Amino acid sequence: MISLSVPVGTDQISQAERAQVLAQQPREHAFRLSLVEQHNDAEKLKYLITPERRALLNTIRYAEGTWKEGKDLGYRTIFGGGVFKDLSQHPDRVVVKLYSSAAAGAYQFIPTTWMVVAKELNLPNFQPQHQDQAALHLVSKRGALREIDSRGLTPSAMAMLAPEWASFPNLSGRSSYGQPVKSHAELAKFYATNLRLLQQQA
């Protein structure tokens, strides 16, 4: 089982090493936090980002319509597909489409959910790495993180997440909220494909 806490090491990254690693990183957030970001945030962030967990996060984004080919734009997306600029806080803006919602970010947090999780994790803003942490915290609270770490994105894990994300199917393949839902097969395929890419990059 993978530890949920990031151990704080005593080694430090030199400025030269830091610059070299940053220069090699793509400009987009694409698949995962850079090694430098994970190192610098080790004292603040509770959940380690493994390839399995990044693949899960990317699959949630895919299901929620914020994947955007892995680009950071997904972290700035509000319900209905619009984009906001300020990541200092949740935008808390209600959008009326077929449904009314103030969901925002890569994982479409509603304001009340974000407020609770941000307080529990002491997250200072709505930046991508903090949205990732908040999503993993919700996965953990639903009891699905351990199963995903050990067995991948199984139908039972999807069912655990269905009450959190309406686009995830319960065991019968339906949304817990009567909204459009992705199938078990489609999400499992995206997860597996994404995980292979991440493992190749590791």
N, C-alpha and C. Protein backbone atom coordinates (compact mmCIF):
# COMPACT_ATOMS: atom_id res chain seq x y z
N MET A 1 0.84 -1.19 0.00
CA MET A 1 0.00 0.00 0.00
C MET A 1 0.87 1.24 0.00
N ILE A 2 0.49 2.26 -0.76
CA ILE A 2 1.26 3.48 -0.87
C ILE A 2 0.89 4.41 0.27
N SER A 3 1.88 4.98 0.90
CA SER A 3 1.62 5.93 1.99
C SER A 3 0.92 7.16 1.46
N LEU A 4 -0.02 7.68 2.24
CA LEU A 4 -0.75 8.87 1.82
C LEU A 4 -0.01 10.15 2.15
N SER A 5 1.04 10.06 2.92
CA SER A 5 1.78 11.26 3.30
C SER A 5 3.09 11.31 2.55
N VAL A 6 3.53 12.50 2.21
CA VAL A 6 4.80 12.68 1.56
C VAL A 6 5.85 12.91 2.62
N PRO A 7 6.84 12.01 2.77
CA PRO A 7 7.86 12.22 3.78
C PRO A 7 8.73 13.41 3.43
N VAL A 8 9.09 14.17 4.42
CA VAL A 8 9.91 15.35 4.20
C VAL A 8 11.36 14.94 4.29
N GLY A 9 12.08 15.02 3.19
CA GLY A 9 13.49 14.64 3.16
C GLY A 9 14.39 15.76 3.63
N THR A 10 15.65 15.41 3.82
CA THR A 10 16.60 16.42 4.26
C THR A 10 17.42 16.96 3.09
N ASP A 11 17.33 16.26 1.92
CA ASP A 11 18.11 16.73 0.78
C ASP A 11 17.46 17.95 0.17
N GLN A 12 18.26 18.78 -0.44
CA GLN A 12 17.76 20.00 -1.06
C GLN A 12 18.14 20.01 -2.54
N ILE A 13 17.29 20.60 -3.38
CA ILE A 13 17.59 20.75 -4.79
C ILE A 13 18.32 22.07 -4.98
N SER A 14 19.48 22.03 -5.61
CA SER A 14 20.24 23.25 -5.83
C SER A 14 19.55 24.11 -6.87
N GLN A 15 19.91 25.38 -6.91
CA GLN A 15 19.31 26.29 -7.88
C GLN A 15 19.60 25.82 -9.31
N ALA A 16 20.83 25.32 -9.54
CA ALA A 16 21.19 24.86 -10.89
C ALA A 16 20.36 23.66 -11.29
N GLU A 17 20.20 22.70 -10.35
CA GLU A 17 19.39 21.52 -10.63
C GLU A 17 17.94 21.91 -10.87
N ARG A 18 17.47 22.84 -10.05
CA ARG A 18 16.09 23.33 -10.17
C ARG A 18 15.85 23.92 -11.55
N ALA A 19 16.78 24.77 -12.01
CA ALA A 19 16.64 25.41 -13.31
C ALA A 19 16.67 24.38 -14.43
N GLN A 20 17.56 23.36 -14.27
CA GLN A 20 17.66 22.33 -15.30
C GLN A 20 16.38 21.51 -15.40
N VAL A 21 15.82 21.13 -14.25
CA VAL A 21 14.58 20.35 -14.25
C VAL A 21 13.43 21.16 -14.83
N LEU A 22 13.33 22.42 -14.41
CA LEU A 22 12.26 23.28 -14.92
C LEU A 22 12.36 23.46 -16.42
N ALA A 23 13.58 23.58 -16.93
CA ALA A 23 13.77 23.79 -18.36
C ALA A 23 13.32 22.57 -19.16
N GLN A 24 13.39 21.40 -18.54
CA GLN A 24 13.00 20.18 -19.23
C GLN A 24 11.51 19.89 -19.14
N GLN A 25 10.79 20.63 -18.29
CA GLN A 25 9.37 20.35 -18.10
C GLN A 25 8.53 21.03 -19.18
N PRO A 26 7.46 20.38 -19.63
CA PRO A 26 6.54 21.04 -20.57
C PRO A 26 5.84 22.20 -19.88
N ARG A 27 5.41 23.15 -20.65
CA ARG A 27 4.78 24.33 -20.08
C ARG A 27 3.42 24.00 -19.51
N GLU A 28 2.74 22.99 -20.08
CA GLU A 28 1.42 22.62 -19.60
C GLU A 28 1.55 21.64 -18.44
N HIS A 29 0.52 21.58 -17.60
CA HIS A 29 0.48 20.68 -16.45
C HIS A 29 0.30 19.22 -16.91
N ALA A 30 -0.21 19.04 -18.11
CA ALA A 30 -0.45 17.79 -18.82
C ALA A 30 -0.78 16.60 -17.93
N PHE A 31 0.22 15.86 -17.47
CA PHE A 31 -0.09 14.61 -16.80
C PHE A 31 0.16 14.62 -15.30
N ARG A 32 1.11 15.37 -14.81
CA ARG A 32 1.48 15.25 -13.41
C ARG A 32 2.26 16.47 -12.95
N LEU A 33 2.39 16.62 -11.64
CA LEU A 33 3.23 17.66 -11.09
C LEU A 33 4.68 17.35 -11.42
N SER A 34 5.48 18.38 -11.70
CA SER A 34 6.89 18.15 -11.92
C SER A 34 7.55 17.70 -10.63
N LEU A 35 8.73 17.10 -10.77
CA LEU A 35 9.47 16.65 -9.59
C LEU A 35 9.79 17.82 -8.67
N VAL A 36 10.11 18.96 -9.26
CA VAL A 36 10.42 20.14 -8.45
C VAL A 36 9.21 20.58 -7.66
N GLU A 37 8.02 20.60 -8.30
CA GLU A 37 6.81 21.00 -7.60
C GLU A 37 6.52 20.06 -6.45
N GLN A 38 6.66 18.75 -6.68
CA GLN A 38 6.40 17.80 -5.61
C GLN A 38 7.41 17.98 -4.47
N HIS A 39 8.67 18.23 -4.82
CA HIS A 39 9.70 18.41 -3.79
C HIS A 39 9.41 19.66 -2.96
N ASN A 40 9.12 20.76 -3.64
CA ASN A 40 8.91 22.02 -2.94
C ASN A 40 7.64 22.01 -2.09
N ASP A 41 6.64 21.23 -2.52
CA ASP A 41 5.37 21.20 -1.79
C ASP A 41 5.30 20.05 -0.79
N ALA A 42 6.42 19.33 -0.60
CA ALA A 42 6.39 18.13 0.23
C ALA A 42 5.88 18.40 1.63
N GLU A 43 6.22 19.59 2.18
CA GLU A 43 5.80 19.89 3.54
C GLU A 43 4.33 20.28 3.60
N LYS A 44 3.76 20.71 2.48
CA LYS A 44 2.40 21.23 2.49
C LYS A 44 1.36 20.24 2.00
N LEU A 45 1.74 19.36 1.06
CA LEU A 45 0.78 18.52 0.40
C LEU A 45 0.69 17.14 1.05
N LYS A 46 -0.51 16.70 1.29
CA LYS A 46 -0.73 15.45 2.01
C LYS A 46 -0.58 14.23 1.13
N TYR A 47 -1.04 14.31 -0.12
CA TYR A 47 -1.12 13.14 -0.98
C TYR A 47 -0.01 13.13 -2.03
N LEU A 48 0.75 12.06 -2.03
CA LEU A 48 1.77 11.86 -3.05
C LEU A 48 1.09 11.59 -4.39
N ILE A 49 1.62 12.17 -5.45
CA ILE A 49 1.05 11.95 -6.78
C ILE A 49 1.84 10.83 -7.46
N THR A 50 1.28 9.64 -7.46
CA THR A 50 1.87 8.50 -8.15
C THR A 50 1.28 8.43 -9.56
N PRO A 51 1.87 7.64 -10.45
CA PRO A 51 1.25 7.48 -11.78
C PRO A 51 -0.19 7.00 -11.70
N GLU A 52 -0.48 6.07 -10.77
CA GLU A 52 -1.84 5.56 -10.63
C GLU A 52 -2.80 6.67 -10.20
N ARG A 53 -2.36 7.51 -9.29
CA ARG A 53 -3.22 8.60 -8.82
C ARG A 53 -3.36 9.70 -9.87
N ARG A 54 -2.28 9.98 -10.61
CA ARG A 54 -2.39 10.96 -11.70
C ARG A 54 -3.34 10.44 -12.76
N ALA A 55 -3.26 9.15 -13.08
CA ALA A 55 -4.18 8.58 -14.06
C ALA A 55 -5.62 8.69 -13.58
N LEU A 56 -5.83 8.48 -12.30
CA LEU A 56 -7.18 8.65 -11.74
C LEU A 56 -7.64 10.09 -11.88
N LEU A 57 -6.80 11.04 -11.49
CA LEU A 57 -7.17 12.45 -11.59
C LEU A 57 -7.48 12.83 -13.03
N ASN A 58 -6.66 12.34 -13.95
CA ASN A 58 -6.92 12.64 -15.37
C ASN A 58 -8.23 12.02 -15.84
N THR A 59 -8.56 10.85 -15.30
CA THR A 59 -9.82 10.19 -15.68
C THR A 59 -11.02 10.95 -15.12
N ILE A 60 -10.90 11.48 -13.91
CA ILE A 60 -11.98 12.31 -13.37
C ILE A 60 -12.18 13.52 -14.27
N ARG A 61 -11.09 14.15 -14.68
CA ARG A 61 -11.18 15.31 -15.57
C ARG A 61 -11.84 14.92 -16.89
N TYR A 62 -11.46 13.76 -17.42
CA TYR A 62 -12.06 13.28 -18.66
C TYR A 62 -13.56 13.11 -18.49
N ALA A 63 -13.96 12.49 -17.39
CA ALA A 63 -15.38 12.26 -17.14
C ALA A 63 -16.15 13.56 -16.95
N GLU A 64 -15.52 14.52 -16.29
CA GLU A 64 -16.18 15.79 -15.98
C GLU A 64 -16.09 16.82 -17.11
N GLY A 65 -15.41 16.47 -18.20
CA GLY A 65 -15.32 17.38 -19.35
C GLY A 65 -14.26 18.45 -19.21
N THR A 66 -13.28 18.26 -18.33
CA THR A 66 -12.23 19.27 -18.13
C THR A 66 -10.85 18.73 -18.49
N TRP A 67 -10.80 17.64 -19.20
CA TRP A 67 -9.51 17.05 -19.57
C TRP A 67 -8.71 17.99 -20.46
N LYS A 68 -9.35 18.55 -21.49
CA LYS A 68 -8.72 19.55 -22.37
C LYS A 68 -7.36 19.09 -22.88
N GLU A 69 -7.28 17.81 -23.25
CA GLU A 69 -6.02 17.22 -23.73
C GLU A 69 -4.89 17.38 -22.73
N GLY A 70 -5.21 17.41 -21.46
CA GLY A 70 -4.20 17.48 -20.42
C GLY A 70 -3.69 18.87 -20.12
N LYS A 71 -4.28 19.89 -20.74
CA LYS A 71 -3.77 21.25 -20.56
C LYS A 71 -4.31 21.89 -19.28
N ASP A 72 -3.57 22.88 -18.80
CA ASP A 72 -3.96 23.59 -17.59
C ASP A 72 -5.32 24.29 -17.70
N LEU A 73 -5.78 24.50 -18.92
CA LEU A 73 -7.07 25.14 -19.13
C LEU A 73 -8.17 24.44 -18.34
N GLY A 74 -8.06 23.13 -18.18
CA GLY A 74 -9.08 22.40 -17.43
C GLY A 74 -9.22 22.85 -16.00
N TYR A 75 -8.13 23.34 -15.41
CA TYR A 75 -8.15 23.81 -14.03
C TYR A 75 -8.85 25.17 -13.90
N ARG A 76 -9.12 25.80 -15.04
CA ARG A 76 -9.77 27.11 -15.05
C ARG A 76 -11.18 27.05 -15.64
N THR A 77 -11.71 25.86 -15.74
CA THR A 77 -13.01 25.67 -16.39
C THR A 77 -14.15 25.71 -15.38
N ILE A 78 -15.20 26.43 -15.73
CA ILE A 78 -16.40 26.46 -14.90
C ILE A 78 -17.49 25.62 -15.55
N PHE A 79 -18.51 25.29 -14.80
CA PHE A 79 -19.63 24.53 -15.31
C PHE A 79 -20.15 25.16 -16.60
N GLY A 80 -20.39 24.33 -17.60
CA GLY A 80 -20.87 24.83 -18.89
C GLY A 80 -19.77 25.06 -19.90
N GLY A 81 -18.50 24.98 -19.46
CA GLY A 81 -17.38 25.11 -20.39
C GLY A 81 -16.69 26.45 -20.43
N GLY A 82 -17.19 27.44 -19.70
CA GLY A 82 -16.52 28.74 -19.65
C GLY A 82 -15.20 28.66 -18.91
N VAL A 83 -14.44 29.74 -18.99
CA VAL A 83 -13.12 29.78 -18.36
C VAL A 83 -13.01 30.99 -17.45
N PHE A 84 -12.38 30.82 -16.31
CA PHE A 84 -12.11 31.94 -15.41
C PHE A 84 -10.60 32.11 -15.29
N LYS A 85 -10.15 33.27 -14.82
CA LYS A 85 -8.72 33.58 -14.80
C LYS A 85 -8.09 33.50 -13.42
N ASP A 86 -8.81 33.93 -12.41
CA ASP A 86 -8.23 34.09 -11.07
C ASP A 86 -8.22 32.77 -10.31
N LEU A 87 -7.02 32.23 -10.04
CA LEU A 87 -6.89 30.98 -9.29
C LEU A 87 -6.55 31.22 -7.82
N SER A 88 -6.75 32.44 -7.36
CA SER A 88 -6.48 32.72 -5.95
C SER A 88 -7.57 32.12 -5.05
N GLN A 89 -8.74 31.83 -5.65
CA GLN A 89 -9.84 31.26 -4.89
C GLN A 89 -10.85 30.63 -5.85
N HIS A 90 -11.76 29.84 -5.31
CA HIS A 90 -12.85 29.27 -6.12
C HIS A 90 -13.68 30.44 -6.67
N PRO A 91 -14.03 30.42 -7.97
CA PRO A 91 -14.76 31.56 -8.54
C PRO A 91 -16.17 31.74 -7.99
N ASP A 92 -16.80 30.68 -7.50
CA ASP A 92 -18.12 30.76 -6.89
C ASP A 92 -19.11 31.53 -7.76
N ARG A 93 -19.23 31.10 -9.01
CA ARG A 93 -20.10 31.75 -9.98
C ARG A 93 -21.13 30.76 -10.50
N VAL A 94 -22.41 31.04 -10.30
CA VAL A 94 -23.47 30.13 -10.75
C VAL A 94 -23.69 30.31 -12.25
N VAL A 95 -23.69 29.18 -12.96
CA VAL A 95 -23.95 29.17 -14.40
C VAL A 95 -25.23 28.37 -14.63
N VAL A 96 -26.12 28.90 -15.46
CA VAL A 96 -27.38 28.23 -15.76
C VAL A 96 -27.33 27.69 -17.18
N LYS A 97 -27.34 26.39 -17.30
CA LYS A 97 -27.43 25.72 -18.60
C LYS A 97 -28.66 24.82 -18.51
N LEU A 98 -28.50 23.54 -18.85
CA LEU A 98 -29.59 22.59 -18.64
C LEU A 98 -29.82 22.43 -17.14
N TYR A 99 -28.70 22.53 -16.40
CA TYR A 99 -28.73 22.54 -14.93
C TYR A 99 -28.11 23.86 -14.47
N SER A 100 -28.30 24.19 -13.21
CA SER A 100 -27.64 25.35 -12.61
C SER A 100 -26.55 24.85 -11.68
N SER A 101 -25.35 25.42 -11.80
CA SER A 101 -24.26 24.95 -10.96
C SER A 101 -23.18 26.02 -10.86
N ALA A 102 -22.49 26.01 -9.73
CA ALA A 102 -21.32 26.87 -9.53
C ALA A 102 -20.05 26.02 -9.51
N ALA A 103 -20.13 24.81 -10.07
CA ALA A 103 -18.97 23.92 -10.11
C ALA A 103 -17.84 24.56 -10.91
N ALA A 104 -16.61 24.35 -10.43
CA ALA A 104 -15.46 24.96 -11.10
C ALA A 104 -14.21 24.13 -10.90
N GLY A 105 -13.26 24.33 -11.80
CA GLY A 105 -11.97 23.67 -11.70
C GLY A 105 -11.93 22.33 -12.41
N ALA A 106 -10.76 21.71 -12.37
CA ALA A 106 -10.56 20.45 -13.07
C ALA A 106 -11.48 19.35 -12.59
N TYR A 107 -11.89 19.43 -11.33
CA TYR A 107 -12.72 18.37 -10.74
C TYR A 107 -14.11 18.88 -10.41
N GLN A 108 -14.44 20.05 -10.95
CA GLN A 108 -15.78 20.63 -10.84
C GLN A 108 -16.27 20.66 -9.39
N PHE A 109 -15.48 21.28 -8.53
CA PHE A 109 -15.85 21.45 -7.13
C PHE A 109 -16.98 22.46 -7.00
N ILE A 110 -18.01 22.14 -6.25
CA ILE A 110 -18.97 23.17 -5.91
C ILE A 110 -18.38 23.97 -4.74
N PRO A 111 -18.78 25.22 -4.58
CA PRO A 111 -18.13 26.08 -3.57
C PRO A 111 -18.11 25.50 -2.16
N THR A 112 -19.23 24.92 -1.71
CA THR A 112 -19.27 24.41 -0.34
C THR A 112 -18.30 23.24 -0.15
N THR A 113 -18.21 22.37 -1.15
CA THR A 113 -17.27 21.25 -1.06
C THR A 113 -15.84 21.77 -1.01
N TRP A 114 -15.54 22.74 -1.88
CA TRP A 114 -14.18 23.30 -1.89
C TRP A 114 -13.84 23.94 -0.55
N MET A 115 -14.76 24.68 0.03
CA MET A 115 -14.49 25.34 1.31
C MET A 115 -14.15 24.32 2.39
N VAL A 116 -14.89 23.23 2.44
CA VAL A 116 -14.66 22.20 3.46
C VAL A 116 -13.29 21.53 3.26
N VAL A 117 -13.01 21.12 2.02
CA VAL A 117 -11.77 20.40 1.75
C VAL A 117 -10.56 21.32 1.89
N ALA A 118 -10.69 22.55 1.41
CA ALA A 118 -9.58 23.51 1.52
C ALA A 118 -9.24 23.76 2.99
N LYS A 119 -10.26 23.79 3.83
CA LYS A 119 -10.02 23.98 5.27
C LYS A 119 -9.35 22.75 5.87
N GLU A 120 -9.83 21.57 5.49
CA GLU A 120 -9.27 20.32 6.04
C GLU A 120 -7.81 20.14 5.65
N LEU A 121 -7.45 20.57 4.44
CA LEU A 121 -6.08 20.39 3.95
C LEU A 121 -5.24 21.66 4.06
N ASN A 122 -5.85 22.74 4.53
CA ASN A 122 -5.15 24.03 4.64
C ASN A 122 -4.61 24.47 3.27
N LEU A 123 -5.46 24.43 2.27
CA LEU A 123 -5.07 24.82 0.91
C LEU A 123 -5.25 26.33 0.75
N PRO A 124 -4.20 27.05 0.36
CA PRO A 124 -4.26 28.51 0.33
C PRO A 124 -4.93 29.12 -0.89
N ASN A 125 -5.07 28.35 -1.97
CA ASN A 125 -5.64 28.92 -3.19
C ASN A 125 -6.18 27.81 -4.08
N PHE A 126 -6.58 28.17 -5.30
CA PHE A 126 -7.23 27.23 -6.22
C PHE A 126 -6.27 26.78 -7.33
N GLN A 127 -4.99 26.87 -7.05
CA GLN A 127 -3.98 26.46 -8.04
C GLN A 127 -4.10 24.97 -8.36
N PRO A 128 -3.61 24.55 -9.54
CA PRO A 128 -3.76 23.15 -9.95
C PRO A 128 -3.31 22.13 -8.93
N GLN A 129 -2.15 22.32 -8.29
CA GLN A 129 -1.68 21.32 -7.35
C GLN A 129 -2.60 21.19 -6.14
N HIS A 130 -3.28 22.28 -5.79
CA HIS A 130 -4.21 22.23 -4.66
C HIS A 130 -5.54 21.61 -5.08
N GLN A 131 -5.96 21.85 -6.32
CA GLN A 131 -7.14 21.15 -6.82
C GLN A 131 -6.89 19.64 -6.86
N ASP A 132 -5.69 19.23 -7.26
CA ASP A 132 -5.34 17.81 -7.28
C ASP A 132 -5.45 17.21 -5.87
N GLN A 133 -4.89 17.92 -4.90
CA GLN A 133 -4.92 17.44 -3.52
C GLN A 133 -6.35 17.31 -3.01
N ALA A 134 -7.17 18.30 -3.32
CA ALA A 134 -8.56 18.29 -2.88
C ALA A 134 -9.31 17.11 -3.50
N ALA A 135 -9.06 16.84 -4.77
CA ALA A 135 -9.73 15.71 -5.43
C ALA A 135 -9.32 14.39 -4.80
N LEU A 136 -8.03 14.21 -4.54
CA LEU A 136 -7.57 12.99 -3.91
C LEU A 136 -8.13 12.84 -2.50
N HIS A 137 -8.32 13.96 -1.81
CA HIS A 137 -8.90 13.93 -0.48
C HIS A 137 -10.35 13.43 -0.54
N LEU A 138 -11.08 13.89 -1.54
CA LEU A 138 -12.46 13.43 -1.71
C LEU A 138 -12.50 11.94 -2.06
N VAL A 139 -11.57 11.51 -2.91
CA VAL A 139 -11.47 10.09 -3.25
C VAL A 139 -11.20 9.27 -1.99
N SER A 140 -10.28 9.76 -1.17
CA SER A 140 -9.95 9.06 0.07
C SER A 140 -11.14 9.01 1.03
N LYS A 141 -11.84 10.12 1.15
CA LYS A 141 -13.00 10.16 2.04
C LYS A 141 -14.12 9.22 1.59
N ARG A 142 -14.17 8.97 0.29
CA ARG A 142 -15.17 8.03 -0.24
C ARG A 142 -14.72 6.58 -0.10
N GLY A 143 -13.50 6.37 0.39
CA GLY A 143 -13.00 5.02 0.62
C GLY A 143 -12.43 4.34 -0.60
N ALA A 144 -12.17 5.10 -1.68
CA ALA A 144 -11.76 4.48 -2.93
C ALA A 144 -10.25 4.53 -3.18
N LEU A 145 -9.52 5.34 -2.44
CA LEU A 145 -8.11 5.55 -2.77
C LEU A 145 -7.29 4.27 -2.59
N ARG A 146 -7.54 3.55 -1.51
CA ARG A 146 -6.77 2.33 -1.27
C ARG A 146 -7.00 1.31 -2.38
N GLU A 147 -8.25 1.15 -2.81
CA GLU A 147 -8.54 0.18 -3.88
C GLU A 147 -7.89 0.60 -5.18
N ILE A 148 -7.94 1.89 -5.51
CA ILE A 148 -7.34 2.37 -6.75
C ILE A 148 -5.83 2.22 -6.70
N ASP A 149 -5.22 2.49 -5.56
CA ASP A 149 -3.77 2.31 -5.42
C ASP A 149 -3.36 0.86 -5.66
N SER A 150 -4.18 -0.09 -5.22
CA SER A 150 -3.79 -1.50 -5.29
C SER A 150 -4.36 -2.23 -6.50
N ARG A 151 -5.56 -1.83 -6.98
CA ARG A 151 -6.23 -2.60 -8.03
C ARG A 151 -6.57 -1.78 -9.27
N GLY A 152 -6.34 -0.48 -9.23
CA GLY A 152 -6.70 0.36 -10.37
C GLY A 152 -8.14 0.84 -10.29
N LEU A 153 -8.61 1.39 -11.38
CA LEU A 153 -9.96 1.97 -11.41
C LEU A 153 -10.98 0.88 -11.73
N THR A 154 -11.39 0.15 -10.72
CA THR A 154 -12.34 -0.94 -10.86
C THR A 154 -13.78 -0.40 -10.87
N PRO A 155 -14.74 -1.21 -11.33
CA PRO A 155 -16.14 -0.78 -11.25
C PRO A 155 -16.58 -0.43 -9.83
N SER A 156 -16.08 -1.17 -8.85
CA SER A 156 -16.46 -0.87 -7.47
C SER A 156 -15.88 0.46 -7.02
N ALA A 157 -14.66 0.78 -7.46
CA ALA A 157 -14.07 2.08 -7.14
C ALA A 157 -14.87 3.20 -7.80
N MET A 158 -15.27 2.98 -9.06
CA MET A 158 -16.10 3.98 -9.74
C MET A 158 -17.40 4.21 -8.98
N ALA A 159 -18.00 3.13 -8.48
CA ALA A 159 -19.25 3.26 -7.73
C ALA A 159 -19.05 4.06 -6.45
N MET A 160 -17.89 3.91 -5.82
CA MET A 160 -17.60 4.70 -4.62
C MET A 160 -17.51 6.19 -4.95
N LEU A 161 -17.03 6.49 -6.16
CA LEU A 161 -16.85 7.89 -6.56
C LEU A 161 -18.11 8.50 -7.17
N ALA A 162 -19.07 7.65 -7.54
CA ALA A 162 -20.29 8.14 -8.19
C ALA A 162 -21.06 9.18 -7.36
N PRO A 163 -21.12 9.06 -6.02
CA PRO A 163 -21.80 10.10 -5.25
C PRO A 163 -21.05 11.44 -5.23
N GLU A 164 -19.77 11.39 -5.58
CA GLU A 164 -18.96 12.62 -5.58
C GLU A 164 -18.97 13.29 -6.94
N TRP A 165 -18.87 12.48 -8.02
CA TRP A 165 -18.84 13.01 -9.38
C TRP A 165 -19.98 12.37 -10.17
N ALA A 166 -20.92 13.19 -10.61
CA ALA A 166 -22.13 12.70 -11.28
C ALA A 166 -21.83 11.97 -12.57
N SER A 167 -20.67 12.24 -13.18
CA SER A 167 -20.32 11.60 -14.45
C SER A 167 -19.78 10.19 -14.27
N PHE A 168 -19.55 9.77 -13.00
CA PHE A 168 -19.08 8.41 -12.73
C PHE A 168 -20.28 7.48 -12.52
N PRO A 169 -20.19 6.26 -13.05
CA PRO A 169 -21.31 5.33 -12.93
C PRO A 169 -21.32 4.57 -11.60
N ASN A 170 -22.51 4.32 -11.08
CA ASN A 170 -22.62 3.41 -9.94
C ASN A 170 -22.54 1.98 -10.47
N LEU A 171 -22.76 0.99 -9.62
CA LEU A 171 -22.61 -0.40 -10.06
C LEU A 171 -23.59 -0.78 -11.17
N SER A 172 -24.73 -0.11 -11.21
CA SER A 172 -25.71 -0.39 -12.27
C SER A 172 -25.44 0.39 -13.54
N GLY A 173 -24.37 1.22 -13.52
CA GLY A 173 -23.98 1.98 -14.71
C GLY A 173 -24.67 3.33 -14.85
N ARG A 174 -25.40 3.75 -13.83
CA ARG A 174 -26.12 5.02 -13.89
C ARG A 174 -25.47 6.08 -13.01
N SER A 175 -25.79 7.33 -13.29
CA SER A 175 -25.34 8.43 -12.45
C SER A 175 -26.14 8.43 -11.15
N SER A 176 -25.49 8.80 -10.07
CA SER A 176 -26.20 8.90 -8.79
C SER A 176 -27.14 10.10 -8.77
N TYR A 177 -27.04 10.97 -9.78
CA TYR A 177 -27.83 12.21 -9.79
C TYR A 177 -28.70 12.34 -11.04
N GLY A 178 -28.83 11.26 -11.80
CA GLY A 178 -29.68 11.31 -12.98
C GLY A 178 -29.13 12.18 -14.09
N GLN A 179 -27.82 12.38 -14.11
CA GLN A 179 -27.17 13.20 -15.12
C GLN A 179 -26.44 12.32 -16.13
N PRO A 180 -25.95 12.91 -17.23
CA PRO A 180 -25.18 12.11 -18.20
C PRO A 180 -23.99 11.46 -17.50
N VAL A 181 -23.70 10.22 -17.88
CA VAL A 181 -22.68 9.45 -17.17
C VAL A 181 -21.80 8.70 -18.18
N LYS A 182 -20.54 8.52 -17.84
CA LYS A 182 -19.64 7.72 -18.66
C LYS A 182 -19.81 6.25 -18.26
N SER A 183 -19.53 5.35 -19.18
CA SER A 183 -19.65 3.92 -18.88
C SER A 183 -18.41 3.42 -18.14
N HIS A 184 -18.56 2.29 -17.45
CA HIS A 184 -17.42 1.66 -16.79
C HIS A 184 -16.30 1.40 -17.80
N ALA A 185 -16.67 0.87 -18.97
CA ALA A 185 -15.68 0.48 -19.98
C ALA A 185 -14.93 1.69 -20.51
N GLU A 186 -15.64 2.79 -20.76
CA GLU A 186 -14.98 3.98 -21.30
C GLU A 186 -13.99 4.57 -20.30
N LEU A 187 -14.39 4.65 -19.04
CA LEU A 187 -13.50 5.22 -18.03
C LEU A 187 -12.31 4.29 -17.77
N ALA A 188 -12.56 2.99 -17.73
CA ALA A 188 -11.47 2.03 -17.51
C ALA A 188 -10.46 2.09 -18.65
N LYS A 189 -10.93 2.26 -19.87
CA LYS A 189 -10.03 2.35 -21.02
C LYS A 189 -9.20 3.62 -20.95
N PHE A 190 -9.83 4.75 -20.64
CA PHE A 190 -9.08 6.00 -20.53
C PHE A 190 -8.02 5.89 -19.43
N TYR A 191 -8.42 5.35 -18.29
CA TYR A 191 -7.50 5.20 -17.16
C TYR A 191 -6.30 4.34 -17.55
N ALA A 192 -6.55 3.19 -18.15
CA ALA A 192 -5.48 2.27 -18.51
C ALA A 192 -4.52 2.89 -19.52
N THR A 193 -5.07 3.56 -20.53
CA THR A 193 -4.24 4.20 -21.55
C THR A 193 -3.40 5.32 -20.93
N ASN A 194 -4.01 6.13 -20.10
CA ASN A 194 -3.31 7.24 -19.47
C ASN A 194 -2.22 6.73 -18.53
N LEU A 195 -2.53 5.67 -17.79
CA LEU A 195 -1.55 5.10 -16.86
C LEU A 195 -0.33 4.57 -17.61
N ARG A 196 -0.54 3.93 -18.75
CA ARG A 196 0.60 3.44 -19.53
C ARG A 196 1.50 4.59 -19.96
N LEU A 197 0.91 5.70 -20.40
CA LEU A 197 1.69 6.86 -20.79
C LEU A 197 2.51 7.40 -19.62
N LEU A 198 1.88 7.48 -18.47
CA LEU A 198 2.56 8.00 -17.28
C LEU A 198 3.70 7.08 -16.86
N GLN A 199 3.48 5.78 -16.92
CA GLN A 199 4.52 4.84 -16.53
C GLN A 199 5.69 4.88 -17.48
N GLN A 200 5.43 5.16 -18.76
CA GLN A 200 6.49 5.31 -19.73
C GLN A 200 7.33 6.55 -19.45
N GLN A 201 6.67 7.59 -18.91
CA GLN A 201 7.38 8.84 -18.62
C GLN A 201 8.15 8.77 -17.31
N ALA A 202 7.77 7.84 -16.43
CA ALA A 202 8.38 7.78 -15.09
C ALA A 202 9.86 7.40 -15.17
